Amino acid sequence: MFLKILLVILSYLIGSIPSALILGKLWKGIDVRNYGSGNLGATNVLRVLGWGPAVIVAVMDVGKGILAVYLAQSFLHSDYLFVLLCVIAAVIGHSFPIFAGFRGGRSVGVSFGILFYLFPKSSLIIFFIAIIIVAVTQYKSVASITSALIYPFLLYHIEKPPMEYFIGVILVCLFIIYRHIPNIKRLIKGEEHKISWKVRR
């Protein structure tokens, strides 16, 4: 039991690594939360620093999710409940990171890393759907919310996961939608930020 609790705590700490904050400090010496949407996520890094740093942050965030679930499965194997708790801890860690004053991101990147590791087929499909939505609407938030809404249905029909994992996926997707409530409000008001395709140097 001690190992299980330790892995849950470790998953939270991995999720708490503030990729965007670290890169902002290293790249320009700034806290990206003071600019743009104020979030510690790849999309806000894109607005503030450009595509290069944004891609690096996205890879780091996805990597955090993969690392957290990899460690959980390596030690816990088929203990689906505690693997699920590790997954949830990593996602919460990204949104409420202890290393960044509990002011984090929307948890999309870290969640995608976790889901891609567990369910690669469904995750790749949803990834391309999200790209199409962003290309058409220029709203990353719309892509994230839509993906969170349809992912559980897609997963159920394609990969038939264990029930514990399926419930976990639903919880993660609901959490992502919850974290996007400010974006939803801005969308309703017509004030949501669009993604700029202009390359910032």
C-alpha atoms as a PDB file:
ATOM      1  CA  MET A   1       0.000   0.000   0.000  1.00  0.00           C
ATOM      2  CA  PHE A   2       2.900   2.360   0.759  1.00  0.00           C
ATOM      3  CA  LEU A   3       4.222   1.917  -2.794  1.00  0.00           C
ATOM      4  CA  LYS A   4       0.781   2.632  -4.248  1.00  0.00           C
ATOM      5  CA  ILE A   5       0.371   5.846  -2.275  1.00  0.00           C
ATOM      6  CA  LEU A   6       3.930   6.851  -3.153  1.00  0.00           C
ATOM      7  CA  LEU A   7       3.202   6.370  -6.869  1.00  0.00           C
ATOM      8  CA  VAL A   8       0.060   8.505  -6.639  1.00  0.00           C
ATOM      9  CA  ILE A   9       2.083  11.284  -4.989  1.00  0.00           C
ATOM     10  CA  LEU A  10       4.863  10.882  -7.564  1.00  0.00           C
ATOM     11  CA  SER A  11       2.314  11.109 -10.392  1.00  0.00           C
ATOM     12  CA  TYR A  12       1.015  14.376  -8.969  1.00  0.00           C
ATOM     13  CA  LEU A  13       4.560  15.733  -8.734  1.00  0.00           C
ATOM     14  CA  ILE A  14       5.321  14.711 -12.322  1.00  0.00           C
ATOM     15  CA  GLY A  15       2.141  16.428 -13.475  1.00  0.00           C
ATOM     16  CA  SER A  16       3.151  19.485 -11.458  1.00  0.00           C
ATOM     17  CA  ILE A  17       6.356  20.075 -13.423  1.00  0.00           C
ATOM     18  CA  PRO A  18       5.546  23.502 -14.970  1.00  0.00           C
ATOM     19  CA  SER A  19       6.890  23.021 -18.493  1.00  0.00           C
ATOM     20  CA  ALA A  20       5.561  26.343 -19.780  1.00  0.00           C
ATOM     21  CA  LEU A  21       6.874  28.273 -16.791  1.00  0.00           C
ATOM     22  CA  ILE A  22      10.315  26.689 -17.090  1.00  0.00           C
ATOM     23  CA  LEU A  23      10.562  27.355 -20.811  1.00  0.00           C
ATOM     24  CA  GLY A  24       9.301  30.922 -20.462  1.00  0.00           C
ATOM     25  CA  LYS A  25      12.009  31.636 -17.889  1.00  0.00           C
ATOM     26  CA  LEU A  26      14.719  29.997 -19.986  1.00  0.00           C
ATOM     27  CA  TRP A  27      13.570  31.446 -23.328  1.00  0.00           C
ATOM     28  CA  LYS A  28      12.735  35.038 -22.415  1.00  0.00           C
ATOM     29  CA  GLY A  29      13.095  35.301 -18.667  1.00  0.00           C
ATOM     30  CA  ILE A  30       9.351  35.783 -18.214  1.00  0.00           C
ATOM     31  CA  ASP A  31       6.439  34.133 -16.422  1.00  0.00           C
ATOM     32  CA  VAL A  32       4.022  33.322 -19.262  1.00  0.00           C
ATOM     33  CA  ARG A  33       1.121  33.475 -16.802  1.00  0.00           C
ATOM     34  CA  ASN A  34       1.502  37.254 -16.884  1.00  0.00           C
ATOM     35  CA  TYR A  35       0.650  37.307 -20.591  1.00  0.00           C
ATOM     36  CA  GLY A  36      -2.030  36.038 -22.943  1.00  0.00           C
ATOM     37  CA  SER A  37      -4.593  33.819 -21.242  1.00  0.00           C
ATOM     38  CA  GLY A  38      -2.454  33.439 -18.121  1.00  0.00           C
ATOM     39  CA  ASN A  39      -2.321  29.650 -18.402  1.00  0.00           C
ATOM     40  CA  LEU A  40       0.673  27.362 -18.168  1.00  0.00           C
ATOM     41  CA  GLY A  41      -0.025  25.536 -21.394  1.00  0.00           C
ATOM     42  CA  ALA A  42       1.371  25.162 -24.887  1.00  0.00           C
ATOM     43  CA  THR A  43      -1.353  27.347 -26.421  1.00  0.00           C
ATOM     44  CA  ASN A  44      -0.505  30.316 -24.239  1.00  0.00           C
ATOM     45  CA  VAL A  45       3.200  29.764 -24.888  1.00  0.00           C
ATOM     46  CA  LEU A  46       2.343  29.910 -28.601  1.00  0.00           C
ATOM     47  CA  ARG A  47       0.687  33.304 -28.123  1.00  0.00           C
ATOM     48  CA  VAL A  48       3.510  34.683 -26.005  1.00  0.00           C
ATOM     49  CA  LEU A  49       6.682  33.067 -27.374  1.00  0.00           C
ATOM     50  CA  GLY A  50       5.804  31.491 -30.707  1.00  0.00           C
ATOM     51  CA  TRP A  51       5.673  28.077 -32.325  1.00  0.00           C
ATOM     52  CA  GLY A  52       9.111  26.750 -31.361  1.00  0.00           C
ATOM     53  CA  PRO A  53       8.685  27.075 -27.592  1.00  0.00           C
ATOM     54  CA  ALA A  54       5.030  25.983 -27.867  1.00  0.00           C
ATOM     55  CA  VAL A  55       5.994  22.712 -29.556  1.00  0.00           C
ATOM     56  CA  ILE A  56       8.648  22.066 -26.912  1.00  0.00           C
ATOM     57  CA  VAL A  57       6.140  22.667 -24.107  1.00  0.00           C
ATOM     58  CA  ALA A  58       3.550  20.443 -25.811  1.00  0.00           C
ATOM     59  CA  VAL A  59       6.071  17.612 -26.087  1.00  0.00           C
ATOM     60  CA  MET A  60       7.096  18.068 -22.452  1.00  0.00           C
ATOM     61  CA  ASP A  61       3.482  18.045 -21.259  1.00  0.00           C
ATOM     62  CA  VAL A  62       2.616  14.964 -23.293  1.00  0.00           C
ATOM     63  CA  GLY A  63       5.809  13.358 -21.982  1.00  0.00           C
ATOM     64  CA  LYS A  64       4.743  14.022 -18.387  1.00  0.00           C
ATOM     65  CA  GLY A  65       1.536  12.093 -18.980  1.00  0.00           C
ATOM     66  CA  ILE A  66       3.334   9.189 -20.639  1.00  0.00           C
ATOM     67  CA  LEU A  67       5.912   9.005 -17.835  1.00  0.00           C
ATOM     68  CA  ALA A  68       3.285   9.083 -15.074  1.00  0.00           C
ATOM     69  CA  VAL A  69       1.157   6.286 -16.527  1.00  0.00           C
ATOM     70  CA  TYR A  70       4.216   4.255 -17.566  1.00  0.00           C
ATOM     71  CA  LEU A  71       5.550   4.253 -14.005  1.00  0.00           C
ATOM     72  CA  ALA A  72       2.122   3.455 -12.594  1.00  0.00           C
ATOM     73  CA  GLN A  73       1.588   0.496 -14.896  1.00  0.00           C
ATOM     74  CA  SER A  74       5.155  -0.759 -14.476  1.00  0.00           C
ATOM     75  CA  PHE A  75       4.761  -1.093 -10.719  1.00  0.00           C
ATOM     76  CA  LEU A  76       1.017  -1.649 -10.333  1.00  0.00           C
ATOM     77  CA  HIS A  77       0.365  -3.805 -13.412  1.00  0.00           C
ATOM     78  CA  SER A  78      -3.341  -4.753 -13.410  1.00  0.00           C
ATOM     79  CA  ASP A  79      -4.273  -2.787 -10.309  1.00  0.00           C
ATOM     80  CA  TYR A  80      -6.533  -0.601 -12.430  1.00  0.00           C
ATOM     81  CA  LEU A  81      -7.870   1.418  -9.515  1.00  0.00           C
ATOM     82  CA  PHE A  82      -4.491   2.738  -8.401  1.00  0.00           C
ATOM     83  CA  VAL A  83      -3.293   3.252 -11.962  1.00  0.00           C
ATOM     84  CA  LEU A  84      -6.435   5.345 -12.373  1.00  0.00           C
ATOM     85  CA  LEU A  85      -5.622   7.311  -9.224  1.00  0.00           C
ATOM     86  CA  CYS A  86      -2.112   7.963 -10.572  1.00  0.00           C
ATOM     87  CA  VAL A  87      -3.594   9.192 -13.848  1.00  0.00           C
ATOM     88  CA  ILE A  88      -5.986  11.549 -12.085  1.00  0.00           C
ATOM     89  CA  ALA A  89      -3.186  12.787  -9.808  1.00  0.00           C
ATOM     90  CA  ALA A  90      -0.994  13.665 -12.812  1.00  0.00           C
ATOM     91  CA  VAL A  91      -3.837  15.530 -14.514  1.00  0.00           C
ATOM     92  CA  ILE A  92      -4.662  17.475 -11.360  1.00  0.00           C
ATOM     93  CA  GLY A  93      -0.966  18.193 -10.885  1.00  0.00           C
ATOM     94  CA  HIS A  94      -0.773  19.909 -14.259  1.00  0.00           C
ATOM     95  CA  SER A  95      -3.752  22.153 -13.530  1.00  0.00           C
ATOM     96  CA  PHE A  96      -2.810  22.814  -9.898  1.00  0.00           C
ATOM     97  CA  PRO A  97       0.986  22.415  -9.761  1.00  0.00           C
ATOM     98  CA  ILE A  98       2.655  22.587  -6.378  1.00  0.00           C
ATOM     99  CA  PHE A  99       5.807  23.892  -8.096  1.00  0.00           C
ATOM    100  CA  ALA A 100       4.003  26.890  -9.592  1.00  0.00           C
ATOM    101  CA  GLY A 101       1.716  28.201  -6.890  1.00  0.00           C
ATOM    102  CA  PHE A 102      -1.124  25.873  -7.968  1.00  0.00           C
ATOM    103  CA  ARG A 103      -1.680  27.983 -11.118  1.00  0.00           C
ATOM    104  CA  GLY A 104      -1.325  25.664 -14.082  1.00  0.00           C
ATOM    105  CA  GLY A 105      -2.883  24.823 -17.421  1.00  0.00           C
ATOM    106  CA  ARG A 106      -5.962  23.121 -18.807  1.00  0.00           C
ATOM    107  CA  SER A 107      -4.428  19.607 -18.580  1.00  0.00           C
ATOM    108  CA  VAL A 108      -4.998  18.791 -22.253  1.00  0.00           C
ATOM    109  CA  GLY A 109      -1.373  17.949 -23.071  1.00  0.00           C
ATOM    110  CA  VAL A 110      -0.734  15.739 -20.050  1.00  0.00           C
ATOM    111  CA  SER A 111      -4.097  14.019 -20.555  1.00  0.00           C
ATOM    112  CA  PHE A 112      -3.312  13.323 -24.195  1.00  0.00           C
ATOM    113  CA  GLY A 113       0.001  11.757 -23.167  1.00  0.00           C
ATOM    114  CA  ILE A 114      -1.757   9.458 -20.715  1.00  0.00           C
ATOM    115  CA  LEU A 115      -4.516   8.495 -23.137  1.00  0.00           C
ATOM    116  CA  PHE A 116      -2.112   8.014 -26.039  1.00  0.00           C
ATOM    117  CA  TYR A 117      -0.037   5.607 -23.964  1.00  0.00           C
ATOM    118  CA  LEU A 118      -3.099   3.633 -22.871  1.00  0.00           C
ATOM    119  CA  PHE A 119      -5.259   3.867 -25.994  1.00  0.00           C
ATOM    120  CA  PRO A 120      -3.146   4.828 -29.032  1.00  0.00           C
ATOM    121  CA  LYS A 121      -5.785   4.107 -31.709  1.00  0.00           C
ATOM    122  CA  SER A 122      -8.511   6.269 -30.196  1.00  0.00           C
ATOM    123  CA  SER A 123      -6.023   8.978 -29.261  1.00  0.00           C
ATOM    124  CA  LEU A 124      -4.584   9.276 -32.769  1.00  0.00           C
ATOM    125  CA  ILE A 125      -8.076   9.525 -34.234  1.00  0.00           C
ATOM    126  CA  ILE A 126      -9.052  12.236 -31.760  1.00  0.00           C
ATOM    127  CA  PHE A 127      -5.751  14.033 -32.434  1.00  0.00           C
ATOM    128  CA  PHE A 128      -6.527  14.352 -36.142  1.00  0.00           C
ATOM    129  CA  ILE A 129     -10.107  15.378 -35.379  1.00  0.00           C
ATOM    130  CA  ALA A 130      -8.759  18.120 -33.100  1.00  0.00           C
ATOM    131  CA  ILE A 131      -6.357  19.333 -35.796  1.00  0.00           C
ATOM    132  CA  ILE A 132      -9.232  19.608 -38.273  1.00  0.00           C
ATOM    133  CA  ILE A 133     -11.342  21.534 -35.766  1.00  0.00           C
ATOM    134  CA  VAL A 134      -8.495  23.967 -35.045  1.00  0.00           C
ATOM    135  CA  ALA A 135      -7.810  24.410 -38.768  1.00  0.00           C
ATOM    136  CA  VAL A 136     -11.471  25.212 -39.440  1.00  0.00           C
ATOM    137  CA  THR A 137     -12.330  27.316 -36.372  1.00  0.00           C
ATOM    138  CA  GLN A 138      -8.910  28.624 -35.241  1.00  0.00           C
ATOM    139  CA  TYR A 139     -10.061  27.937 -31.681  1.00  0.00           C
ATOM    140  CA  LYS A 140      -7.917  25.442 -29.790  1.00  0.00           C
ATOM    141  CA  SER A 141     -10.423  25.534 -26.937  1.00  0.00           C
ATOM    142  CA  VAL A 142     -13.217  24.342 -29.248  1.00  0.00           C
ATOM    143  CA  ALA A 143     -11.018  21.449 -30.355  1.00  0.00           C
ATOM    144  CA  SER A 144     -10.201  20.519 -26.748  1.00  0.00           C
ATOM    145  CA  ILE A 145     -13.796  20.677 -25.539  1.00  0.00           C
ATOM    146  CA  THR A 146     -15.137  18.768 -28.537  1.00  0.00           C
ATOM    147  CA  SER A 147     -12.434  16.120 -28.198  1.00  0.00           C
ATOM    148  CA  ALA A 148     -13.222  15.686 -24.497  1.00  0.00           C
ATOM    149  CA  LEU A 149     -16.906  15.259 -25.310  1.00  0.00           C
ATOM    150  CA  ILE A 150     -16.504  12.593 -27.986  1.00  0.00           C
ATOM    151  CA  TYR A 151     -13.419  10.724 -26.735  1.00  0.00           C
ATOM    152  CA  PRO A 152     -15.250   8.375 -24.308  1.00  0.00           C
ATOM    153  CA  PHE A 153     -17.724   7.315 -27.027  1.00  0.00           C
ATOM    154  CA  LEU A 154     -14.934   6.771 -29.515  1.00  0.00           C
ATOM    155  CA  LEU A 155     -12.875   4.795 -27.006  1.00  0.00           C
ATOM    156  CA  TYR A 156     -15.796   2.574 -25.996  1.00  0.00           C
ATOM    157  CA  HIS A 157     -16.497   1.512 -29.564  1.00  0.00           C
ATOM    158  CA  ILE A 158     -12.877   1.125 -30.698  1.00  0.00           C
ATOM    159  CA  GLU A 159     -10.823  -0.293 -27.839  1.00  0.00           C
ATOM    160  CA  LYS A 160     -13.268  -1.609 -25.193  1.00  0.00           C
ATOM    161  CA  PRO A 161     -11.136  -0.632 -22.161  1.00  0.00           C
ATOM    162  CA  PRO A 162     -11.482  -2.087 -18.642  1.00  0.00           C
ATOM    163  CA  MET A 163     -14.390  -0.440 -16.851  1.00  0.00           C
ATOM    164  CA  GLU A 164     -12.094   1.251 -14.323  1.00  0.00           C
ATOM    165  CA  TYR A 165     -10.129   2.867 -17.134  1.00  0.00           C
ATOM    166  CA  PHE A 166     -13.281   3.856 -18.988  1.00  0.00           C
ATOM    167  CA  ILE A 167     -14.617   5.599 -15.887  1.00  0.00           C
ATOM    168  CA  GLY A 168     -11.242   7.272 -15.495  1.00  0.00           C
ATOM    169  CA  VAL A 169     -11.349   8.542 -19.064  1.00  0.00           C
ATOM    170  CA  ILE A 170     -14.792  10.024 -18.453  1.00  0.00           C
ATOM    171  CA  LEU A 171     -13.519  11.766 -15.302  1.00  0.00           C
ATOM    172  CA  VAL A 172     -10.477  13.154 -17.111  1.00  0.00           C
ATOM    173  CA  CYS A 173     -12.614  14.415 -19.996  1.00  0.00           C
ATOM    174  CA  LEU A 174     -15.095  16.039 -17.615  1.00  0.00           C
ATOM    175  CA  PHE A 175     -12.192  17.694 -15.804  1.00  0.00           C
ATOM    176  CA  ILE A 176     -10.856  19.089 -19.081  1.00  0.00           C
ATOM    177  CA  ILE A 177     -14.286  20.526 -19.891  1.00  0.00           C
ATOM    178  CA  TYR A 178     -14.495  21.996 -16.387  1.00  0.00           C
ATOM    179  CA  ARG A 179     -11.092  23.641 -16.831  1.00  0.00           C
ATOM    180  CA  HIS A 180     -12.356  25.201 -20.064  1.00  0.00           C
ATOM    181  CA  ILE A 181     -15.330  26.968 -18.479  1.00  0.00           C
ATOM    182  CA  PRO A 182     -13.588  30.381 -18.815  1.00  0.00           C
ATOM    183  CA  ASN A 183     -13.020  29.614 -22.508  1.00  0.00           C
ATOM    184  CA  ILE A 184     -16.654  28.638 -22.951  1.00  0.00           C
ATOM    185  CA  LYS A 185     -17.725  31.947 -21.432  1.00  0.00           C
ATOM    186  CA  ARG A 186     -15.405  33.841 -23.788  1.00  0.00           C
ATOM    187  CA  LEU A 187     -16.709  31.858 -26.759  1.00  0.00           C
ATOM    188  CA  ILE A 188     -20.280  32.801 -25.877  1.00  0.00           C
ATOM    189  CA  LYS A 189     -19.258  36.472 -25.646  1.00  0.00           C
ATOM    190  CA  GLY A 190     -17.231  36.259 -28.859  1.00  0.00           C
ATOM    191  CA  GLU A 191     -14.071  37.150 -26.953  1.00  0.00           C
ATOM    192  CA  GLU A 192     -12.146  33.882 -27.205  1.00  0.00           C
ATOM    193  CA  HIS A 193      -8.569  34.049 -28.477  1.00  0.00           C
ATOM    194  CA  LYS A 194      -7.890  32.530 -31.884  1.00  0.00           C
ATOM    195  CA  ILE A 195      -4.700  30.724 -32.798  1.00  0.00           C
ATOM    196  CA  SER A 196      -2.423  32.764 -35.010  1.00  0.00           C
ATOM    197  CA  TRP A 197      -0.595  30.783 -37.692  1.00  0.00           C
ATOM    198  CA  LYS A 198       2.017  33.499 -38.007  1.00  0.00           C
ATOM    199  CA  VAL A 199       5.460  32.245 -37.061  1.00  0.00           C
ATOM    200  CA  ARG A 200       6.976  34.312 -34.264  1.00  0.00           C
ATOM    201  CA  ARG A 201      10.752  34.455 -34.253  1.00  0.00           C
END
